[in-house]
Each structure stands twice: as structure tokens, then as C-alpha cells.
Amino acid sequence: MQDYNYVWANCFEITLELSCCKYPPTSELQKEWENNRESLLAFIEMVHIGVKGFVKDAVTGAGLDNATIAVAGIAHNITAGK
């Protein structure tokens, strides 16, 4: 689903795996949080780097639906929504 959303919905999803154990016991959850807290917070801080905003017509200032946004050096174009 992550690949589909990235290619077709302009949505970048990730999966974070914190340990080898898929279902850690409740008694281990606090330890997992303490082991991963700083890394998770650092990741969250970096989420909004990059470019964001509205695609508008240079003359009228009207929003442009379905505009293709291409960045040199990145082989994945983004299509603006409504």
C-alpha cells in the first residue's frame, strides 16, 4: 500500500519497527519508548522540511488543479490536488 500511495496519491507513508518483537509484552513498552523516544521526536521534527504550498496561475493568482510539479534530480513528479 505504501508504494501505491506514493505513486498515485502523493502520500508518503512509512513503517517504523522498534524491535524484533512484533507484539512486545506490556511490561516492555516503557523500555521501548525510552529506547526510541529521541529518534522518533527527531524524525517528527524533520517531517515538514521541503516545499509545501499552493500552485497558482502567475497572472490571475487562481489555483491550478492537477498541475505537474517536477524537481530536477528527483525522478518522481507530483500532481497538485484541487
PDB file of N, CA and C in Angstrom:
ATOM      1  N   MET A   1       0.822  -1.197   0.000  1.00  0.00           N
ATOM      2  CA  MET A   1       0.000   0.000   0.000  1.00  0.00           C
ATOM      3  C   MET A   1       0.860   1.253   0.000  1.00  0.00           C
ATOM      4  N   GLN A   2       2.018   1.213   0.662  1.00  0.00           N
ATOM      5  CA  GLN A   2       2.876   2.393   0.708  1.00  0.00           C
ATOM      6  C   GLN A   2       3.319   2.810  -0.692  1.00  0.00           C
ATOM      7  N   ASP A   3       3.721   1.846  -1.515  1.00  0.00           N
ATOM      8  CA  ASP A   3       4.161   2.164  -2.872  1.00  0.00           C
ATOM      9  C   ASP A   3       3.021   2.754  -3.689  1.00  0.00           C
ATOM     10  N   TYR A   4       1.840   2.174  -3.591  1.00  0.00           N
ATOM     11  CA  TYR A   4       0.680   2.666  -4.329  1.00  0.00           C
ATOM     12  C   TYR A   4       0.372   4.104  -3.926  1.00  0.00           C
ATOM     13  N   ASN A   5       0.323   4.368  -2.628  1.00  0.00           N
ATOM     14  CA  ASN A   5       0.009   5.720  -2.165  1.00  0.00           C
ATOM     15  C   ASN A   5       1.050   6.734  -2.605  1.00  0.00           C
ATOM     16  N   TYR A   6       2.323   6.343  -2.628  1.00  0.00           N
ATOM     17  CA  TYR A   6       3.383   7.261  -3.045  1.00  0.00           C
ATOM     18  C   TYR A   6       3.242   7.613  -4.520  1.00  0.00           C
ATOM     19  N   VAL A   7       2.992   6.612  -5.347  1.00  0.00           N
ATOM     20  CA  VAL A   7       2.930   6.832  -6.797  1.00  0.00           C
ATOM     21  C   VAL A   7       1.627   7.499  -7.223  1.00  0.00           C
ATOM     22  N   TRP A   8       0.497   7.066  -6.652  1.00  0.00           N
ATOM     23  CA  TRP A   8      -0.796   7.514  -7.163  1.00  0.00           C
ATOM     24  C   TRP A   8      -1.509   8.536  -6.287  1.00  0.00           C
ATOM     25  N   ALA A   9      -1.164   8.664  -5.024  1.00  0.00           N
ATOM     26  CA  ALA A   9      -1.906   9.568  -4.147  1.00  0.00           C
ATOM     27  C   ALA A   9      -1.031  10.671  -3.553  1.00  0.00           C
ATOM     28  N   ASN A  10       0.252  10.744  -3.975  1.00  0.00           N
ATOM     29  CA  ASN A  10       1.164  11.756  -3.450  1.00  0.00           C
ATOM     30  C   ASN A  10       1.243  11.710  -1.928  1.00  0.00           C
ATOM     31  N   CYS A  11       1.169  10.517  -1.391  1.00  0.00           N
ATOM     32  CA  CYS A  11       1.197  10.310   0.051  1.00  0.00           C
ATOM     33  C   CYS A  11       2.391   9.424   0.386  1.00  0.00           C
ATOM     34  N   PHE A  12       3.270   9.910   1.234  1.00  0.00           N
ATOM     35  CA  PHE A  12       4.460   9.150   1.602  1.00  0.00           C
ATOM     36  C   PHE A  12       4.254   8.526   2.968  1.00  0.00           C
ATOM     37  N   GLU A  13       4.036   7.220   2.990  1.00  0.00           N
ATOM     38  CA  GLU A  13       3.824   6.505   4.243  1.00  0.00           C
ATOM     39  C   GLU A  13       5.096   5.772   4.637  1.00  0.00           C
ATOM     40  N   ILE A  14       5.258   5.571   5.926  1.00  0.00           N
ATOM     41  CA  ILE A  14       6.402   4.809   6.420  1.00  0.00           C
ATOM     42  C   ILE A  14       5.932   3.784   7.440  1.00  0.00           C
ATOM     43  N   THR A  15       6.768   2.796   7.666  1.00  0.00           N
ATOM     44  CA  THR A  15       6.543   1.830   8.734  1.00  0.00           C
ATOM     45  C   THR A  15       7.737   1.909   9.665  1.00  0.00           C
ATOM     46  N   LEU A  16       7.485   2.075  10.950  1.00  0.00           N
ATOM     47  CA  LEU A  16       8.546   2.105  11.945  1.00  0.00           C
ATOM     48  C   LEU A  16       8.505   0.815  12.742  1.00  0.00           C
ATOM     49  N   GLU A  17       9.600   0.107  12.763  1.00  0.00           N
ATOM     50  CA  GLU A  17       9.696  -1.099  13.566  1.00  0.00           C
ATOM     51  C   GLU A  17      10.705  -0.841  14.666  1.00  0.00           C
ATOM     52  N   LEU A  18      10.273  -0.948  15.895  1.00  0.00           N
ATOM     53  CA  LEU A  18      11.090  -0.551  17.036  1.00  0.00           C
ATOM     54  C   LEU A  18      11.889  -1.690  17.645  1.00  0.00           C
ATOM     55  N   SER A  19      11.486  -2.912  17.379  1.00  0.00           N
ATOM     56  CA  SER A  19      12.205  -4.051  17.927  1.00  0.00           C
ATOM     57  C   SER A  19      11.958  -5.265  17.042  1.00  0.00           C
ATOM     58  N   CYS A  20      12.599  -6.344  17.374  1.00  0.00           N
ATOM     59  CA  CYS A  20      12.397  -7.595  16.637  1.00  0.00           C
ATOM     60  C   CYS A  20      11.069  -8.242  17.008  1.00  0.00           C
ATOM     61  N   CYS A  21      10.531  -7.874  18.129  1.00  0.00           N
ATOM     62  CA  CYS A  21       9.303  -8.477  18.645  1.00  0.00           C
ATOM     63  C   CYS A  21       8.089  -7.699  18.119  1.00  0.00           C
ATOM     64  N   LYS A  22       7.234  -8.368  17.363  1.00  0.00           N
ATOM     65  CA  LYS A  22       6.066  -7.699  16.796  1.00  0.00           C
ATOM     66  C   LYS A  22       5.063  -7.280  17.866  1.00  0.00           C
ATOM     67  N   TYR A  23       4.906  -8.099  18.897  1.00  0.00           N
ATOM     68  CA  TYR A  23       3.965  -7.806  19.977  1.00  0.00           C
ATOM     69  C   TYR A  23       4.697  -7.884  21.316  1.00  0.00           C
ATOM     70  N   PRO A  24       5.419  -6.825  21.688  1.00  0.00           N
ATOM     71  CA  PRO A  24       6.156  -6.869  22.956  1.00  0.00           C
ATOM     72  C   PRO A  24       5.179  -6.911  24.131  1.00  0.00           C
ATOM     73  N   PRO A  25       5.581  -7.553  25.209  1.00  0.00           N
ATOM     74  CA  PRO A  25       4.724  -7.576  26.403  1.00  0.00           C
ATOM     75  C   PRO A  25       4.519  -6.154  26.940  1.00  0.00           C
ATOM     76  N   THR A  26       3.410  -5.940  27.570  1.00  0.00           N
ATOM     77  CA  THR A  26       3.092  -4.629  28.144  1.00  0.00           C
ATOM     78  C   THR A  26       4.208  -4.132  29.047  1.00  0.00           C
ATOM     79  N   SER A  27       4.829  -5.028  29.761  1.00  0.00           N
ATOM     80  CA  SER A  27       5.898  -4.649  30.692  1.00  0.00           C
ATOM     81  C   SER A  27       7.121  -4.077  29.978  1.00  0.00           C
ATOM     82  N   GLU A  28       7.259  -4.322  28.667  1.00  0.00           N
ATOM     83  CA  GLU A  28       8.407  -3.838  27.894  1.00  0.00           C
ATOM     84  C   GLU A  28       8.134  -2.527  27.155  1.00  0.00           C
ATOM     85  N   LEU A  29       6.888  -2.075  27.109  1.00  0.00           N
ATOM     86  CA  LEU A  29       6.538  -0.895  26.309  1.00  0.00           C
ATOM     87  C   LEU A  29       7.241   0.373  26.785  1.00  0.00           C
ATOM     88  N   GLN A  30       7.327   0.573  28.071  1.00  0.00           N
ATOM     89  CA  GLN A  30       8.015   1.759  28.590  1.00  0.00           C
ATOM     90  C   GLN A  30       9.473   1.766  28.156  1.00  0.00           C
ATOM     91  N   LYS A  31      10.121   0.610  28.210  1.00  0.00           N
ATOM     92  CA  LYS A  31      11.521   0.498  27.789  1.00  0.00           C
ATOM     93  C   LYS A  31      11.659   0.804  26.296  1.00  0.00           C
ATOM     94  N   GLU A  32      10.727   0.297  25.480  1.00  0.00           N
ATOM     95  CA  GLU A  32      10.766   0.572  24.038  1.00  0.00           C
ATOM     96  C   GLU A  32      10.617   2.072  23.783  1.00  0.00           C
ATOM     97  N   TRP A  33       9.708   2.723  24.510  1.00  0.00           N
ATOM     98  CA  TRP A  33       9.524   4.164  24.361  1.00  0.00           C
ATOM     99  C   TRP A  33      10.816   4.902  24.714  1.00  0.00           C
ATOM    100  N   GLU A  34      11.419   4.549  25.844  1.00  0.00           N
ATOM    101  CA  GLU A  34      12.655   5.208  26.277  1.00  0.00           C
ATOM    102  C   GLU A  34      13.794   4.975  25.276  1.00  0.00           C
ATOM    103  N   ASN A  35      13.870   3.782  24.695  1.00  0.00           N
ATOM    104  CA  ASN A  35      14.926   3.479  23.727  1.00  0.00           C
ATOM    105  C   ASN A  35      14.763   4.239  22.412  1.00  0.00           C
ATOM    106  N   ASN A  36      13.543   4.608  22.074  1.00  0.00           N
ATOM    107  CA  ASN A  36      13.283   5.183  20.757  1.00  0.00           C
ATOM    108  C   ASN A  36      12.739   6.605  20.766  1.00  0.00           C
ATOM    109  N   ARG A  37      12.521   7.153  21.936  1.00  0.00           N
ATOM    110  CA  ARG A  37      11.883   8.473  22.062  1.00  0.00           C
ATOM    111  C   ARG A  37      12.628   9.570  21.296  1.00  0.00           C
ATOM    112  N   GLU A  38      13.903   9.723  21.545  1.00  0.00           N
ATOM    113  CA  GLU A  38      14.657  10.815  20.913  1.00  0.00           C
ATOM    114  C   GLU A  38      14.692  10.683  19.392  1.00  0.00           C
ATOM    115  N   SER A  39      14.863   9.467  18.898  1.00  0.00           N
ATOM    116  CA  SER A  39      14.877   9.246  17.445  1.00  0.00           C
ATOM    117  C   SER A  39      13.530   9.579  16.828  1.00  0.00           C
ATOM    118  N   LEU A  40      12.454   9.155  17.485  1.00  0.00           N
ATOM    119  CA  LEU A  40      11.117   9.439  16.969  1.00  0.00           C
ATOM    120  C   LEU A  40      10.836  10.939  16.962  1.00  0.00           C
ATOM    121  N   LEU A  41      11.192  11.626  18.023  1.00  0.00           N
ATOM    122  CA  LEU A  41      10.976  13.077  18.071  1.00  0.00           C
ATOM    123  C   LEU A  41      11.820  13.804  17.018  1.00  0.00           C
ATOM    124  N   ALA A  42      13.043  13.365  16.803  1.00  0.00           N
ATOM    125  CA  ALA A  42      13.889  13.966  15.768  1.00  0.00           C
ATOM    126  C   ALA A  42      13.278  13.748  14.388  1.00  0.00           C
ATOM    127  N   PHE A  43      12.726  12.561  14.153  1.00  0.00           N
ATOM    128  CA  PHE A  43      12.072  12.284  12.879  1.00  0.00           C
ATOM    129  C   PHE A  43      10.863  13.195  12.685  1.00  0.00           C
ATOM    130  N   ILE A  44      10.043  13.325  13.714  1.00  0.00           N
ATOM    131  CA  ILE A  44       8.860  14.175  13.620  1.00  0.00           C
ATOM    132  C   ILE A  44       9.250  15.618  13.303  1.00  0.00           C
ATOM    133  N   GLU A  45      10.336  16.095  13.880  1.00  0.00           N
ATOM    134  CA  GLU A  45      10.797  17.461  13.613  1.00  0.00           C
ATOM    135  C   GLU A  45      11.177  17.657  12.149  1.00  0.00           C
ATOM    136  N   MET A  46      11.644  16.593  11.490  1.00  0.00           N
ATOM    137  CA  MET A  46      12.098  16.692  10.101  1.00  0.00           C
ATOM    138  C   MET A  46      10.985  16.482   9.071  1.00  0.00           C
ATOM    139  N   VAL A  47       9.791  16.130   9.522  1.00  0.00           N
ATOM    140  CA  VAL A  47       8.711  15.779   8.607  1.00  0.00           C
ATOM    141  C   VAL A  47       8.355  16.913   7.652  1.00  0.00           C
ATOM    142  N   HIS A  48       8.400  18.130   8.114  1.00  0.00           N
ATOM    143  CA  HIS A  48       7.916  19.240   7.301  1.00  0.00           C
ATOM    144  C   HIS A  48       9.004  19.995   6.538  1.00  0.00           C
ATOM    145  N   ILE A  49      10.207  19.415   6.409  1.00  0.00           N
ATOM    146  CA  ILE A  49      11.197  20.088   5.579  1.00  0.00           C
ATOM    147  C   ILE A  49      10.824  19.858   4.120  1.00  0.00           C
ATOM    148  N   GLY A  50      11.231  20.726   3.279  1.00  0.00           N
ATOM    149  CA  GLY A  50      10.887  20.592   1.869  1.00  0.00           C
ATOM    150  C   GLY A  50      10.009  21.751   1.438  1.00  0.00           C
ATOM    151  N   VAL A  51       9.267  21.531   0.385  1.00  0.00           N
ATOM    152  CA  VAL A  51       8.428  22.576  -0.190  1.00  0.00           C
ATOM    153  C   VAL A  51       6.967  22.206   0.012  1.00  0.00           C
ATOM    154  N   LYS A  52       6.179  23.188   0.415  1.00  0.00           N
ATOM    155  CA  LYS A  52       4.740  22.980   0.505  1.00  0.00           C
ATOM    156  C   LYS A  52       4.061  24.299   0.180  1.00  0.00           C
ATOM    157  N   GLY A  53       2.843  24.220  -0.289  1.00  0.00           N
ATOM    158  CA  GLY A  53       2.130  25.441  -0.613  1.00  0.00           C
ATOM    159  C   GLY A  53       1.082  25.204  -1.669  1.00  0.00           C
ATOM    160  N   PHE A  54       0.734  26.258  -2.376  1.00  0.00           N
ATOM    161  CA  PHE A  54      -0.313  26.215  -3.384  1.00  0.00           C
ATOM    162  C   PHE A  54       0.291  26.486  -4.753  1.00  0.00           C
ATOM    163  N   VAL A  55      -0.265  25.844  -5.775  1.00  0.00           N
ATOM    164  CA  VAL A  55       0.161  26.088  -7.158  1.00  0.00           C
ATOM    165  C   VAL A  55      -0.858  27.056  -7.759  1.00  0.00           C
ATOM    166  N   LYS A  56      -0.375  28.241  -8.138  1.00  0.00           N
ATOM    167  CA  LYS A  56      -1.276  29.282  -8.640  1.00  0.00           C
ATOM    168  C   LYS A  56      -0.827  29.791  -9.991  1.00  0.00           C
ATOM    169  N   ASP A  57      -1.779  30.276 -10.768  1.00  0.00           N
ATOM    170  CA  ASP A  57      -1.503  30.918 -12.046  1.00  0.00           C
ATOM    171  C   ASP A  57      -0.737  32.214 -11.776  1.00  0.00           C
ATOM    172  N   ALA A  58       0.346  32.440 -12.528  1.00  0.00           N
ATOM    173  CA  ALA A  58       1.200  33.606 -12.297  1.00  0.00           C
ATOM    174  C   ALA A  58       0.480  34.922 -12.582  1.00  0.00           C
ATOM    175  N   VAL A  59      -0.508  34.904 -13.470  1.00  0.00           N
ATOM    176  CA  VAL A  59      -1.190  36.141 -13.849  1.00  0.00           C
ATOM    177  C   VAL A  59      -2.424  36.380 -12.985  1.00  0.00           C
ATOM    178  N   THR A  60      -3.281  35.387 -12.903  1.00  0.00           N
ATOM    179  CA  THR A  60      -4.562  35.588 -12.214  1.00  0.00           C
ATOM    180  C   THR A  60      -4.508  35.248 -10.723  1.00  0.00           C
ATOM    181  N   GLY A  61      -3.539  34.433 -10.327  1.00  0.00           N
ATOM    182  CA  GLY A  61      -3.459  34.011  -8.940  1.00  0.00           C
ATOM    183  C   GLY A  61      -4.440  32.903  -8.588  1.00  0.00           C
ATOM    184  N   ALA A  62      -5.166  32.406  -9.586  1.00  0.00           N
ATOM    185  CA  ALA A  62      -6.128  31.321  -9.347  1.00  0.00           C
ATOM    186  C   ALA A  62      -5.385  30.010  -9.121  1.00  0.00           C
ATOM    187  N   GLY A  63      -5.936  29.173  -8.275  1.00  0.00           N
ATOM    188  CA  GLY A  63      -5.338  27.865  -8.028  1.00  0.00           C
ATOM    189  C   GLY A  63      -5.381  26.995  -9.273  1.00  0.00           C
ATOM    190  N   LEU A  64      -4.334  26.200  -9.479  1.00  0.00           N
ATOM    191  CA  LEU A  64      -4.269  25.313 -10.639  1.00  0.00           C
ATOM    192  C   LEU A  64      -4.470  23.871 -10.186  1.00  0.00           C
ATOM    193  N   ASP A  65      -5.528  23.245 -10.675  1.00  0.00           N
ATOM    194  CA  ASP A  65      -5.793  21.841 -10.373  1.00  0.00           C
ATOM    195  C   ASP A  65      -4.931  20.949 -11.249  1.00  0.00           C
ATOM    196  N   ASN A  66      -4.483  19.848 -10.705  1.00  0.00           N
ATOM    197  CA  ASN A  66      -3.751  18.820 -11.453  1.00  0.00           C
ATOM    198  C   ASN A  66      -2.484  19.334 -12.133  1.00  0.00           C
ATOM    199  N   ALA A  67      -1.851  20.339 -11.579  1.00  0.00           N
ATOM    200  CA  ALA A  67      -0.579  20.834 -12.122  1.00  0.00           C
ATOM    201  C   ALA A  67       0.521  19.829 -11.786  1.00  0.00           C
ATOM    202  N   THR A  68       1.394  19.560 -12.736  1.00  0.00           N
ATOM    203  CA  THR A  68       2.501  18.645 -12.504  1.00  0.00           C
ATOM    204  C   THR A  68       3.694  19.432 -11.966  1.00  0.00           C
ATOM    205  N   ILE A  69       4.246  18.963 -10.859  1.00  0.00           N
ATOM    206  CA  ILE A  69       5.386  19.612 -10.231  1.00  0.00           C
ATOM    207  C   ILE A  69       6.585  18.689 -10.403  1.00  0.00           C
ATOM    208  N   ALA A  70       7.616  19.183 -11.090  1.00  0.00           N
ATOM    209  CA  ALA A  70       8.821  18.394 -11.348  1.00  0.00           C
ATOM    210  C   ALA A  70      10.011  19.101 -10.712  1.00  0.00           C
ATOM    211  N   VAL A  71      10.865  18.326 -10.052  1.00  0.00           N
ATOM    212  CA  VAL A  71      12.059  18.860  -9.418  1.00  0.00           C
ATOM    213  C   VAL A  71      13.266  18.189 -10.062  1.00  0.00           C
ATOM    214  N   ALA A  72      14.217  19.000 -10.516  1.00  0.00           N
ATOM    215  CA  ALA A  72      15.423  18.452 -11.149  1.00  0.00           C
ATOM    216  C   ALA A  72      16.142  17.530 -10.170  1.00  0.00           C
ATOM    217  N   GLY A  73      16.515  16.358 -10.650  1.00  0.00           N
ATOM    218  CA  GLY A  73      17.244  15.414  -9.825  1.00  0.00           C
ATOM    219  C   GLY A  73      16.368  14.445  -9.051  1.00  0.00           C
ATOM    220  N   ILE A  74      15.055  14.633  -9.096  1.00  0.00           N
ATOM    221  CA  ILE A  74      14.129  13.706  -8.437  1.00  0.00           C
ATOM    222  C   ILE A  74      13.257  13.087  -9.520  1.00  0.00           C
ATOM    223  N   ALA A  75      13.273  11.782  -9.613  1.00  0.00           N
ATOM    224  CA  ALA A  75      12.604  11.084 -10.714  1.00  0.00           C
ATOM    225  C   ALA A  75      11.146  10.765 -10.399  1.00  0.00           C
ATOM    226  N   HIS A  76      10.491  11.585  -9.595  1.00  0.00           N
ATOM    227  CA  HIS A  76       9.075  11.353  -9.280  1.00  0.00           C
ATOM    228  C   HIS A  76       8.365  12.694  -9.249  1.00  0.00           C
ATOM    229  N   ASN A  77       7.511  12.928 -10.245  1.00  0.00           N
ATOM    230  CA  ASN A  77       6.738  14.158 -10.281  1.00  0.00           C
ATOM    231  C   ASN A  77       5.548  14.057  -9.342  1.00  0.00           C
ATOM    232  N   ILE A  78       5.064  15.205  -8.887  1.00  0.00           N
ATOM    233  CA  ILE A  78       3.900  15.285  -8.016  1.00  0.00           C
ATOM    234  C   ILE A  78       2.818  16.044  -8.779  1.00  0.00           C
ATOM    235  N   THR A  79       1.576  15.633  -8.618  1.00  0.00           N
ATOM    236  CA  THR A  79       0.466  16.332  -9.242  1.00  0.00           C
ATOM    237  C   THR A  79      -0.318  17.037  -8.151  1.00  0.00           C
ATOM    238  N   ALA A  80      -0.532  18.341  -8.337  1.00  0.00           N
ATOM    239  CA  ALA A  80      -1.259  19.145  -7.343  1.00  0.00           C
ATOM    240  C   ALA A  80      -2.714  18.697  -7.295  1.00  0.00           C
ATOM    241  N   GLY A  81      -3.301  18.808  -6.130  1.00  0.00           N
ATOM    242  CA  GLY A  81      -4.722  18.497  -5.960  1.00  0.00           C
ATOM    243  C   GLY A  81      -5.565  19.712  -6.295  1.00  0.00           C
ATOM    244  N   LYS A  82      -6.782  19.737  -5.784  1.00  0.00           N
ATOM    245  CA  LYS A  82      -7.682  20.877  -6.028  1.00  0.00           C
ATOM    246  C   LYS A  82      -7.462  21.948  -4.991  1.00  0.00           C
TER     247      LYS A  82
END
